[in-house]
Amino acid sequence: MSTNELKKYLFEGIENIDDNEFLLTLKELVDRKYDQHKPHKLASWQMERIKESKRQIVRGEFLEDEQVDKLIDQWLEK
């Protein structure tokens, strides 16, 4: 199982757990590995995606909220 697949599996599993004590235990484990105050370092491909998105915005290559809502409504009708 790849790292991304494992993360997705864990996210889905955690979403369905209602046991607060168990979730607190998981939080303690995560806290030992992850420092939320330390800035997240983006991969080079992520930085490139952000740069390209900014270029698309400058060129006007985006949809307004209303346009997206209409597209979603059309997809749901099918």
C-alpha atoms as a PDB file:
ATOM      1  CA  MET A   1       0.000   0.000   0.000  1.00  0.00           C
ATOM      2  CA  SER A   2       1.468   3.355  -1.000  1.00  0.00           C
ATOM      3  CA  THR A   3       1.824   6.227   1.457  1.00  0.00           C
ATOM      4  CA  ASN A   4      -1.013   8.147  -0.197  1.00  0.00           C
ATOM      5  CA  GLU A   5      -3.284   5.098  -0.196  1.00  0.00           C
ATOM      6  CA  LEU A   6      -2.494   4.471   3.462  1.00  0.00           C
ATOM      7  CA  LYS A   7      -3.260   8.099   4.370  1.00  0.00           C
ATOM      8  CA  LYS A   8      -6.584   7.942   2.534  1.00  0.00           C
ATOM      9  CA  TYR A   9      -7.467   4.685   4.286  1.00  0.00           C
ATOM     10  CA  LEU A  10      -6.590   6.148   7.688  1.00  0.00           C
ATOM     11  CA  PHE A  11      -8.520   9.380   7.051  1.00  0.00           C
ATOM     12  CA  GLU A  12     -11.619   7.383   6.118  1.00  0.00           C
ATOM     13  CA  GLY A  13     -11.240   5.130   9.143  1.00  0.00           C
ATOM     14  CA  ILE A  14     -10.753   7.994  11.589  1.00  0.00           C
ATOM     15  CA  GLU A  15     -13.841   9.768  10.182  1.00  0.00           C
ATOM     16  CA  ASN A  16     -15.937   6.801  11.314  1.00  0.00           C
ATOM     17  CA  ILE A  17     -14.507   6.391  14.837  1.00  0.00           C
ATOM     18  CA  ASP A  18     -16.574   7.935  17.633  1.00  0.00           C
ATOM     19  CA  ASP A  19     -14.492   6.642  20.560  1.00  0.00           C
ATOM     20  CA  ASN A  20     -12.989   9.804  22.092  1.00  0.00           C
ATOM     21  CA  GLU A  21     -10.381   7.946  24.170  1.00  0.00           C
ATOM     22  CA  PHE A  22      -9.154   6.060  21.119  1.00  0.00           C
ATOM     23  CA  LEU A  23      -8.984   9.279  19.087  1.00  0.00           C
ATOM     24  CA  LEU A  24      -6.997  10.975  21.880  1.00  0.00           C
ATOM     25  CA  THR A  25      -4.531   8.072  21.780  1.00  0.00           C
ATOM     26  CA  LEU A  26      -4.181   8.486  18.016  1.00  0.00           C
ATOM     27  CA  LYS A  27      -3.625  12.213  18.522  1.00  0.00           C
ATOM     28  CA  GLU A  28      -0.788  11.491  20.948  1.00  0.00           C
ATOM     29  CA  LEU A  29       0.858   9.249  18.348  1.00  0.00           C
ATOM     30  CA  VAL A  30       0.487  11.887  15.638  1.00  0.00           C
ATOM     31  CA  ASP A  31       1.804  14.603  17.944  1.00  0.00           C
ATOM     32  CA  ARG A  32       5.032  12.642  18.386  1.00  0.00           C
ATOM     33  CA  LYS A  33       5.660  12.699  14.610  1.00  0.00           C
ATOM     34  CA  TYR A  34       4.075  15.977  13.483  1.00  0.00           C
ATOM     35  CA  ASP A  35       4.695  19.488  14.781  1.00  0.00           C
ATOM     36  CA  GLN A  36       1.877  21.725  13.531  1.00  0.00           C
ATOM     37  CA  HIS A  37       3.909  24.828  14.340  1.00  0.00           C
ATOM     38  CA  LYS A  38       6.720  23.764  12.036  1.00  0.00           C
ATOM     39  CA  PRO A  39       6.064  25.113   8.524  1.00  0.00           C
ATOM     40  CA  HIS A  40       4.985  22.457   6.059  1.00  0.00           C
ATOM     41  CA  LYS A  41       7.477  21.983   3.248  1.00  0.00           C
ATOM     42  CA  LEU A  42       5.877  21.624  -0.170  1.00  0.00           C
ATOM     43  CA  ALA A  43       7.309  19.325  -2.803  1.00  0.00           C
ATOM     44  CA  SER A  44       8.666  20.879  -5.993  1.00  0.00           C
ATOM     45  CA  TRP A  45       5.721  19.537  -8.019  1.00  0.00           C
ATOM     46  CA  GLN A  46       3.313  21.189  -5.551  1.00  0.00           C
ATOM     47  CA  MET A  47       5.117  24.517  -5.867  1.00  0.00           C
ATOM     48  CA  GLU A  48       4.940  24.242  -9.665  1.00  0.00           C
ATOM     49  CA  ARG A  49       1.184  23.530  -9.500  1.00  0.00           C
ATOM     50  CA  ILE A  50       0.701  26.652  -7.368  1.00  0.00           C
ATOM     51  CA  LYS A  51       2.721  28.761  -9.816  1.00  0.00           C
ATOM     52  CA  GLU A  52       0.722  27.433 -12.763  1.00  0.00           C
ATOM     53  CA  SER A  53      -2.553  28.122 -10.925  1.00  0.00           C
ATOM     54  CA  LYS A  54      -1.486  31.711 -10.342  1.00  0.00           C
ATOM     55  CA  ARG A  55      -0.631  32.078 -14.034  1.00  0.00           C
ATOM     56  CA  GLN A  56      -4.061  30.718 -14.960  1.00  0.00           C
ATOM     57  CA  ILE A  57      -5.739  33.256 -12.682  1.00  0.00           C
ATOM     58  CA  VAL A  58      -3.791  36.103 -14.299  1.00  0.00           C
ATOM     59  CA  ARG A  59      -4.880  34.828 -17.749  1.00  0.00           C
ATOM     60  CA  GLY A  60      -8.503  34.638 -16.585  1.00  0.00           C
ATOM     61  CA  GLU A  61      -8.606  30.845 -16.890  1.00  0.00           C
ATOM     62  CA  PHE A  62     -10.910  30.118 -13.981  1.00  0.00           C
ATOM     63  CA  LEU A  63     -14.603  29.761 -13.210  1.00  0.00           C
ATOM     64  CA  GLU A  64     -16.689  31.929 -10.902  1.00  0.00           C
ATOM     65  CA  ASP A  65     -18.652  30.231  -8.103  1.00  0.00           C
ATOM     66  CA  GLU A  66     -21.917  30.660  -9.987  1.00  0.00           C
ATOM     67  CA  GLN A  67     -20.457  28.971 -13.088  1.00  0.00           C
ATOM     68  CA  VAL A  68     -19.252  26.027 -11.015  1.00  0.00           C
ATOM     69  CA  ASP A  69     -22.653  25.733  -9.318  1.00  0.00           C
ATOM     70  CA  LYS A  70     -24.341  25.550 -12.737  1.00  0.00           C
ATOM     71  CA  LEU A  71     -21.902  22.864 -13.917  1.00  0.00           C
ATOM     72  CA  ILE A  72     -22.503  20.795 -10.795  1.00  0.00           C
ATOM     73  CA  ASP A  73     -26.268  21.114 -11.234  1.00  0.00           C
ATOM     74  CA  GLN A  74     -25.904  19.921 -14.848  1.00  0.00           C
ATOM     75  CA  TRP A  75     -23.786  16.931 -13.778  1.00  0.00           C
ATOM     76  CA  LEU A  76     -26.284  15.968 -11.075  1.00  0.00           C
ATOM     77  CA  GLU A  77     -29.160  16.025 -13.577  1.00  0.00           C
ATOM     78  CA  LYS A  78     -27.490  13.342 -15.716  1.00  0.00           C
END
